[in-house]
C-alpha atoms as a PDB file:
ATOM      1  CA  MET A   1      53.980 -14.543 -22.392  1.00  0.00           C
ATOM      2  CA  ASN A   2      56.458 -14.891 -19.689  1.00  0.00           C
ATOM      3  CA  ARG A   3      60.386 -16.961 -20.485  1.00  0.00           C
ATOM      4  CA  GLU A   4      59.633 -20.374 -19.112  1.00  0.00           C
ATOM      5  CA  ASP A   5      56.402 -20.646 -21.238  1.00  0.00           C
ATOM      6  CA  LEU A   6      57.652 -19.442 -24.675  1.00  0.00           C
ATOM      7  CA  LEU A   7      60.736 -21.461 -23.977  1.00  0.00           C
ATOM      8  CA  ALA A   8      58.571 -24.375 -23.595  1.00  0.00           C
ATOM      9  CA  ASN A   9      56.567 -23.464 -26.478  1.00  0.00           C
ATOM     10  CA  ILE A  10      59.872 -23.566 -28.723  1.00  0.00           C
ATOM     11  CA  ALA A  11      61.489 -26.926 -27.480  1.00  0.00           C
ATOM     12  CA  HIS A  12      57.485 -28.311 -28.520  1.00  0.00           C
ATOM     13  CA  TRP A  13      57.627 -27.249 -31.610  1.00  0.00           C
ATOM     14  CA  ARG A  14      61.132 -27.571 -32.813  1.00  0.00           C
ATOM     15  CA  GLU A  15      60.816 -31.220 -32.207  1.00  0.00           C
ATOM     16  CA  ARG A  16      57.621 -31.763 -34.083  1.00  0.00           C
ATOM     17  CA  VAL A  17      58.843 -29.621 -36.858  1.00  0.00           C
ATOM     18  CA  GLY A  18      62.034 -31.865 -36.578  1.00  0.00           C
ATOM     19  CA  ASP A  19      60.383 -35.085 -36.560  1.00  0.00           C
ATOM     20  CA  ALA A  20      57.949 -34.091 -39.083  1.00  0.00           C
ATOM     21  CA  SER A  21      60.798 -32.753 -41.517  1.00  0.00           C
ATOM     22  CA  ALA A  22      63.305 -34.683 -41.119  1.00  0.00           C
ATOM     23  CA  LYS A  23      63.260 -36.784 -44.134  1.00  0.00           C
ATOM     24  CA  TRP A  24      63.206 -33.656 -46.375  1.00  0.00           C
ATOM     25  CA  GLY A  25      66.883 -32.848 -44.010  1.00  0.00           C
ATOM     26  CA  GLY A  26      64.928 -30.829 -41.576  1.00  0.00           C
ATOM     27  CA  ALA A  27      63.088 -27.545 -41.401  1.00  0.00           C
ATOM     28  CA  GLU A  28      63.679 -24.013 -39.862  1.00  0.00           C
ATOM     29  CA  ILE A  29      61.026 -22.218 -37.932  1.00  0.00           C
ATOM     30  CA  CYS A  30      60.865 -18.355 -38.856  1.00  0.00           C
ATOM     31  CA  ALA A  31      59.118 -17.073 -35.609  1.00  0.00           C
ATOM     32  CA  VAL A  32      56.225 -14.503 -36.739  1.00  0.00           C
ATOM     33  CA  SER A  33      56.532 -12.072 -34.627  1.00  0.00           C
ATOM     34  CA  LYS A  34      53.726  -9.867 -35.265  1.00  0.00           C
ATOM     35  CA  THR A  35      52.134  -7.165 -32.518  1.00  0.00           C
ATOM     36  CA  VAL A  36      54.939  -9.148 -30.086  1.00  0.00           C
ATOM     37  CA  ASP A  37      57.248  -6.712 -27.961  1.00  0.00           C
ATOM     38  CA  PRO A  38      60.751  -6.599 -28.568  1.00  0.00           C
ATOM     39  CA  GLU A  39      61.453  -8.314 -24.717  1.00  0.00           C
ATOM     40  CA  THR A  40      59.769 -10.912 -25.390  1.00  0.00           C
ATOM     41  CA  ILE A  41      61.065 -11.203 -29.272  1.00  0.00           C
ATOM     42  CA  ASN A  42      64.596 -11.236 -27.824  1.00  0.00           C
ATOM     43  CA  MET A  43      63.587 -13.923 -25.473  1.00  0.00           C
ATOM     44  CA  ALA A  44      63.165 -16.520 -28.351  1.00  0.00           C
ATOM     45  CA  TRP A  45      66.815 -16.691 -29.007  1.00  0.00           C
ATOM     46  CA  GLU A  46      67.588 -18.907 -26.235  1.00  0.00           C
ATOM     47  CA  GLY A  47      65.527 -20.860 -27.053  1.00  0.00           C
ATOM     48  CA  GLY A  48      67.387 -21.441 -30.382  1.00  0.00           C
ATOM     49  CA  ILE A  49      64.771 -19.056 -33.127  1.00  0.00           C
ATOM     50  CA  ARG A  50      67.470 -17.157 -35.538  1.00  0.00           C
ATOM     51  CA  THR A  51      64.684 -15.911 -37.695  1.00  0.00           C
ATOM     52  CA  LEU A  52      61.891 -13.910 -37.503  1.00  0.00           C
ATOM     53  CA  GLY A  53      58.778 -12.789 -39.507  1.00  0.00           C
ATOM     54  CA  GLU A  54      57.512  -9.643 -39.717  1.00  0.00           C
ATOM     55  CA  ASN A  55      54.222  -8.460 -41.516  1.00  0.00           C
ATOM     56  CA  ARG A  56      54.454  -4.747 -41.537  1.00  0.00           C
ATOM     57  CA  VAL A  57      57.011  -2.440 -42.312  1.00  0.00           C
ATOM     58  CA  GLN A  58      55.908   0.606 -39.992  1.00  0.00           C
ATOM     59  CA  GLU A  59      55.504  -1.758 -36.780  1.00  0.00           C
ATOM     60  CA  LEU A  60      58.895  -3.274 -37.820  1.00  0.00           C
ATOM     61  CA  MET A  61      60.256  -0.079 -38.300  1.00  0.00           C
ATOM     62  CA  GLY A  62      58.961   0.682 -34.761  1.00  0.00           C
ATOM     63  CA  LYS A  63      60.968  -2.082 -32.684  1.00  0.00           C
ATOM     64  CA  ILE A  64      64.088  -3.496 -34.896  1.00  0.00           C
ATOM     65  CA  GLU A  65      66.145  -1.349 -33.052  1.00  0.00           C
ATOM     66  CA  ALA A  66      65.095  -2.908 -29.547  1.00  0.00           C
ATOM     67  CA  LEU A  67      65.926  -6.159 -31.372  1.00  0.00           C
ATOM     68  CA  ASN A  68      68.664  -8.689 -30.970  1.00  0.00           C
ATOM     69  CA  PRO A  69      70.914  -7.538 -34.214  1.00  0.00           C
ATOM     70  CA  ASP A  70      71.622 -11.262 -34.728  1.00  0.00           C
ATOM     71  CA  TYR A  71      68.547 -12.152 -36.145  1.00  0.00           C
ATOM     72  CA  ASP A  72      67.788 -12.718 -39.384  1.00  0.00           C
ATOM     73  CA  ILE A  73      64.688 -10.466 -40.287  1.00  0.00           C
ATOM     74  CA  HIS A  74      62.399 -11.963 -42.946  1.00  0.00           C
ATOM     75  CA  LEU A  75      59.160  -9.458 -44.458  1.00  0.00           C
ATOM     76  CA  ILE A  76      56.901 -12.051 -44.894  1.00  0.00           C
ATOM     77  CA  GLY A  77      53.182  -9.729 -45.387  1.00  0.00           C
ATOM     78  CA  GLN A  78      52.454  -8.173 -48.568  1.00  0.00           C
ATOM     79  CA  LEU A  79      54.811  -5.268 -49.386  1.00  0.00           C
ATOM     80  CA  GLN A  80      53.907  -2.072 -51.275  1.00  0.00           C
ATOM     81  CA  THR A  81      56.225  -0.655 -53.631  1.00  0.00           C
ATOM     82  CA  ASN A  82      56.430   2.615 -51.701  1.00  0.00           C
ATOM     83  CA  LYS A  83      57.806   0.599 -48.610  1.00  0.00           C
ATOM     84  CA  VAL A  84      60.471  -0.457 -49.896  1.00  0.00           C
ATOM     85  CA  LYS A  85      63.134   1.807 -49.559  1.00  0.00           C
ATOM     86  CA  TYR A  86      62.477   1.398 -46.125  1.00  0.00           C
ATOM     87  CA  ILE A  87      63.843  -2.009 -45.312  1.00  0.00           C
ATOM     88  CA  ILE A  88      66.068  -3.048 -48.397  1.00  0.00           C
ATOM     89  CA  ASP A  89      68.793  -2.340 -45.843  1.00  0.00           C
ATOM     90  CA  ARG A  90      67.422  -3.535 -42.390  1.00  0.00           C
ATOM     91  CA  VAL A  91      66.000  -7.093 -43.660  1.00  0.00           C
ATOM     92  CA  ALA A  92      67.842 -10.509 -44.569  1.00  0.00           C
ATOM     93  CA  MET A  93      64.834 -11.757 -47.018  1.00  0.00           C
ATOM     94  CA  ILE A  94      62.248 -10.441 -48.182  1.00  0.00           C
ATOM     95  CA  GLN A  95      59.113 -13.545 -48.471  1.00  0.00           C
ATOM     96  CA  SER A  96      56.449 -11.806 -50.603  1.00  0.00           C
ATOM     97  CA  VAL A  97      57.733 -11.164 -54.087  1.00  0.00           C
ATOM     98  CA  ASP A  98      54.381 -11.100 -55.878  1.00  0.00           C
ATOM     99  CA  ARG A  99      53.966  -8.909 -58.643  1.00  0.00           C
ATOM    100  CA  GLU A 100      57.004  -7.211 -61.625  1.00  0.00           C
ATOM    101  CA  ALA A 101      56.561  -3.507 -60.280  1.00  0.00           C
ATOM    102  CA  LEU A 102      57.680  -4.929 -56.825  1.00  0.00           C
ATOM    103  CA  ALA A 103      60.608  -7.044 -57.668  1.00  0.00           C
ATOM    104  CA  ARG A 104      61.922  -4.144 -60.132  1.00  0.00           C
ATOM    105  CA  GLU A 105      61.733  -1.354 -57.266  1.00  0.00           C
ATOM    106  CA  ILE A 106      63.535  -4.083 -54.828  1.00  0.00           C
ATOM    107  CA  SER A 107      66.115  -4.136 -57.801  1.00  0.00           C
ATOM    108  CA  ARG A 108      65.821  -0.260 -58.375  1.00  0.00           C
ATOM    109  CA  ARG A 109      66.475   0.175 -54.468  1.00  0.00           C
ATOM    110  CA  ALA A 110      69.149  -2.684 -53.337  1.00  0.00           C
ATOM    111  CA  SER A 111      70.908  -1.796 -56.687  1.00  0.00           C
ATOM    112  CA  ALA A 112      71.406   2.150 -55.217  1.00  0.00           C
ATOM    113  CA  ALA A 113      72.307   0.582 -51.901  1.00  0.00           C
ATOM    114  CA  GLY A 114      74.973  -1.855 -53.680  1.00  0.00           C
ATOM    115  CA  LEU A 115      73.333  -4.456 -51.993  1.00  0.00           C
ATOM    116  CA  GLU A 116      71.508  -8.211 -53.403  1.00  0.00           C
ATOM    117  CA  MET A 117      68.452  -8.918 -51.315  1.00  0.00           C
ATOM    118  CA  PRO A 118      67.438 -12.190 -51.315  1.00  0.00           C
ATOM    119  CA  VAL A 119      63.672 -12.824 -51.890  1.00  0.00           C
ATOM    120  CA  LEU A 120      61.165 -15.321 -52.321  1.00  0.00           C
ATOM    121  CA  VAL A 121      58.533 -15.742 -55.043  1.00  0.00           C
ATOM    122  CA  GLN A 122      55.285 -15.794 -53.718  1.00  0.00           C
ATOM    123  CA  VAL A 123      52.852 -18.610 -54.912  1.00  0.00           C
ATOM    124  CA  ASN A 124      49.054 -18.932 -55.062  1.00  0.00           C
ATOM    125  CA  ILE A 125      48.994 -22.268 -55.522  1.00  0.00           C
ATOM    126  CA  ALA A 126      45.331 -22.684 -54.600  1.00  0.00           C
ATOM    127  CA  ARG A 127      44.062 -19.330 -56.460  1.00  0.00           C
ATOM    128  CA  GLU A 128      42.765 -17.342 -53.974  1.00  0.00           C
ATOM    129  CA  PRO A 129      41.313 -14.432 -55.405  1.00  0.00           C
ATOM    130  CA  GLN A 130      41.319 -12.968 -51.967  1.00  0.00           C
ATOM    131  CA  LYS A 131      45.400 -13.625 -52.074  1.00  0.00           C
ATOM    132  CA  ALA A 132      48.695 -12.300 -53.229  1.00  0.00           C
ATOM    133  CA  GLY A 133      50.743 -14.392 -55.016  1.00  0.00           C
ATOM    134  CA  ILE A 134      51.872 -15.453 -58.456  1.00  0.00           C
ATOM    135  CA  ASP A 135      49.164 -18.390 -60.273  1.00  0.00           C
ATOM    136  CA  GLU A 136      51.046 -21.442 -61.372  1.00  0.00           C
ATOM    137  CA  GLU A 137      51.284 -20.993 -64.914  1.00  0.00           C
ATOM    138  CA  LEU A 138      53.056 -17.454 -64.826  1.00  0.00           C
ATOM    139  CA  LEU A 139      55.648 -18.806 -61.974  1.00  0.00           C
ATOM    140  CA  MET A 140      57.913 -19.606 -64.889  1.00  0.00           C
ATOM    141  CA  PRO A 141      58.116 -16.381 -66.640  1.00  0.00           C
ATOM    142  CA  PHE A 142      58.024 -14.234 -63.184  1.00  0.00           C
ATOM    143  CA  LEU A 143      61.057 -16.218 -62.027  1.00  0.00           C
ATOM    144  CA  GLN A 144      62.979 -15.661 -65.515  1.00  0.00           C
ATOM    145  CA  LEU A 145      62.440 -11.933 -65.190  1.00  0.00           C
ATOM    146  CA  CYS A 146      63.096 -11.674 -61.604  1.00  0.00           C
ATOM    147  CA  GLY A 147      66.634 -13.985 -62.687  1.00  0.00           C
ATOM    148  CA  GLU A 148      67.243 -10.574 -65.065  1.00  0.00           C
ATOM    149  CA  LEU A 149      67.140  -8.147 -62.574  1.00  0.00           C
ATOM    150  CA  PRO A 150      70.509  -6.743 -60.802  1.00  0.00           C
ATOM    151  CA  GLY A 151      70.129  -6.609 -56.339  1.00  0.00           C
ATOM    152  CA  LEU A 152      67.655  -9.085 -56.636  1.00  0.00           C
ATOM    153  CA  LYS A 153      68.872 -12.973 -55.733  1.00  0.00           C
ATOM    154  CA  VAL A 154      65.858 -15.319 -55.506  1.00  0.00           C
ATOM    155  CA  GLN A 155      66.399 -17.866 -53.236  1.00  0.00           C
ATOM    156  CA  GLY A 156      63.546 -20.245 -53.144  1.00  0.00           C
ATOM    157  CA  LEU A 157      59.155 -19.959 -53.293  1.00  0.00           C
ATOM    158  CA  MET A 158      56.627 -18.795 -50.550  1.00  0.00           C
ATOM    159  CA  ALA A 159      52.796 -19.618 -50.206  1.00  0.00           C
ATOM    160  CA  ILE A 160      49.975 -19.338 -47.868  1.00  0.00           C
ATOM    161  CA  MET A 161      47.304 -21.772 -47.775  1.00  0.00           C
ATOM    162  CA  PRO A 162      43.859 -21.694 -47.528  1.00  0.00           C
ATOM    163  CA  ILE A 163      42.441 -21.986 -43.802  1.00  0.00           C
ATOM    164  CA  ALA A 164      40.862 -25.275 -42.863  1.00  0.00           C
ATOM    165  CA  ASP A 165      39.473 -27.235 -40.389  1.00  0.00           C
ATOM    166  CA  ASP A 166      41.296 -29.753 -41.273  1.00  0.00           C
ATOM    167  CA  PRO A 167      45.167 -29.534 -42.184  1.00  0.00           C
ATOM    168  CA  GLU A 168      44.934 -32.671 -44.221  1.00  0.00           C
ATOM    169  CA  ASP A 169      42.417 -31.049 -46.551  1.00  0.00           C
ATOM    170  CA  VAL A 170      45.513 -28.279 -47.677  1.00  0.00           C
ATOM    171  CA  ARG A 171      48.086 -31.035 -47.806  1.00  0.00           C
ATOM    172  CA  PRO A 172      48.152 -31.620 -51.919  1.00  0.00           C
ATOM    173  CA  TYR A 173      48.401 -27.457 -52.080  1.00  0.00           C
ATOM    174  CA  PHE A 174      51.818 -28.300 -49.975  1.00  0.00           C
ATOM    175  CA  ARG A 175      52.803 -31.429 -52.390  1.00  0.00           C
ATOM    176  CA  GLN A 176      52.267 -29.165 -55.314  1.00  0.00           C
ATOM    177  CA  MET A 177      54.475 -26.496 -53.640  1.00  0.00           C
ATOM    178  CA  ARG A 178      56.940 -29.298 -53.727  1.00  0.00           C
ATOM    179  CA  GLY A 179      56.668 -30.391 -56.509  1.00  0.00           C
ATOM    180  CA  TRP A 180      57.677 -26.799 -58.121  1.00  0.00           C
ATOM    181  CA  PHE A 181      60.465 -26.152 -56.060  1.00  0.00           C
ATOM    182  CA  GLU A 182      61.745 -29.486 -57.179  1.00  0.00           C
ATOM    183  CA  ARG A 183      62.053 -29.058 -60.672  1.00  0.00           C
ATOM    184  CA  LEU A 184      62.813 -25.536 -60.185  1.00  0.00           C
ATOM    185  CA  ARG A 185      65.549 -26.889 -58.304  1.00  0.00           C
ATOM    186  CA  ASP A 186      66.962 -29.033 -61.348  1.00  0.00           C
ATOM    187  CA  MET A 187      66.184 -26.509 -64.308  1.00  0.00           C
ATOM    188  CA  ASP A 188      68.971 -24.432 -63.129  1.00  0.00           C
ATOM    189  CA  LEU A 189      67.820 -20.746 -63.880  1.00  0.00           C
ATOM    190  CA  PRO A 190      69.981 -18.539 -63.942  1.00  0.00           C
ATOM    191  CA  ASN A 191      70.484 -16.354 -61.175  1.00  0.00           C
ATOM    192  CA  VAL A 192      67.532 -18.323 -59.260  1.00  0.00           C
ATOM    193  CA  GLU A 193      68.244 -20.755 -56.644  1.00  0.00           C
ATOM    194  CA  MET A 194      65.842 -23.295 -54.970  1.00  0.00           C
ATOM    195  CA  ARG A 195      66.937 -23.367 -51.311  1.00  0.00           C
ATOM    196  CA  THR A 196      63.776 -22.300 -48.884  1.00  0.00           C
ATOM    197  CA  LEU A 197      60.136 -23.674 -49.464  1.00  0.00           C
ATOM    198  CA  SER A 198      57.988 -21.316 -46.910  1.00  0.00           C
ATOM    199  CA  MET A 199      54.654 -22.695 -46.315  1.00  0.00           C
ATOM    200  CA  GLY A 200      52.930 -23.933 -43.065  1.00  0.00           C
ATOM    201  CA  MET A 201      51.797 -22.038 -40.444  1.00  0.00           C
ATOM    202  CA  SER A 202      50.532 -22.365 -36.854  1.00  0.00           C
ATOM    203  CA  ASP A 203      47.675 -24.326 -37.910  1.00  0.00           C
ATOM    204  CA  ASP A 204      48.943 -26.660 -40.100  1.00  0.00           C
ATOM    205  CA  ALA A 205      52.816 -26.549 -40.096  1.00  0.00           C
ATOM    206  CA  ILE A 206      53.129 -30.071 -39.715  1.00  0.00           C
ATOM    207  CA  VAL A 207      51.631 -31.456 -42.720  1.00  0.00           C
ATOM    208  CA  ALA A 208      53.965 -28.803 -44.103  1.00  0.00           C
ATOM    209  CA  ALA A 209      56.866 -29.944 -42.698  1.00  0.00           C
ATOM    210  CA  GLU A 210      56.372 -34.025 -43.940  1.00  0.00           C
ATOM    211  CA  GLU A 211      55.603 -32.447 -47.672  1.00  0.00           C
ATOM    212  CA  GLY A 212      58.822 -30.839 -47.594  1.00  0.00           C
ATOM    213  CA  ALA A 213      58.689 -27.313 -46.411  1.00  0.00           C
ATOM    214  CA  THR A 214      61.920 -25.929 -45.461  1.00  0.00           C
ATOM    215  CA  MET A 215      60.757 -23.413 -43.185  1.00  0.00           C
ATOM    216  CA  VAL A 216      57.676 -23.076 -41.485  1.00  0.00           C
ATOM    217  CA  ARG A 217      56.373 -20.008 -39.788  1.00  0.00           C
ATOM    218  CA  LEU A 218      55.111 -19.835 -36.772  1.00  0.00           C
ATOM    219  CA  GLY A 219      53.045 -17.319 -34.889  1.00  0.00           C
ATOM    220  CA  ARG A 220      50.654 -18.048 -32.279  1.00  0.00           C
ATOM    221  CA  ALA A 221      51.933 -21.851 -31.285  1.00  0.00           C
ATOM    222  CA  LEU A 222      54.813 -20.077 -30.128  1.00  0.00           C
ATOM    223  CA  PHE A 223      54.537 -16.445 -28.410  1.00  0.00           C
ATOM    224  CA  GLY A 224      50.457 -17.624 -27.818  1.00  0.00           C
ATOM    225  CA  ALA A 225      46.811 -15.859 -29.133  1.00  0.00           C
ATOM    226  CA  ARG A 226      47.211 -11.745 -30.076  1.00  0.00           C
ATOM    227  CA  THR A 227      45.178 -10.129 -30.481  1.00  0.00           C
ATOM    228  CA  TYR A 228      45.197  -7.874 -34.206  1.00  0.00           C
ATOM    229  CA  LYS A 229      44.766  -4.149 -35.106  1.00  0.00           C
END
């Protein structure tokens, strides 16, 4: 994608997301840069993008040295415990914490490195068997567990919604996530903050923003269609 088209896409989506999320105080765009080359990613900085979302550890490590070092890089894909060591001091946040073993490994690696890793807990709000994430009834005990782990700082929730032809079909799930976000924010759980609610992607980001997302993850909307391997 050329610079002009990319910057036009970013401006278009920043305006749309900003308008849709205005009543909640605005939502940030996390640019999903999976399969995108570093030169193109770095052009997004000119458009005001400050946060990148990468899905795969191996791909991220292959291009991280060529990226603008001022980006906040978030790991948004499913993370294997044996890959934590590669990214623990290279990313600003891990958005996909979804099980005890992963939380404990992040805690162990972060503590050993003298770090406190911001994380989001991924919720499987639609209970899709093929998707990662904590079921609603397990969310509270999992958050309490995470809050007890050194080197790990829960800063919010993340969700991936079902694929739908009409984004209105998944609006209730976004609303449920905002409800959890607000309830947990008011509970003042030890070592748990509700600062970020990451939900919504290219097809449903506007509905997500309308329902209270503080961050939407846009890939195709910004960078165009890509062929995933």
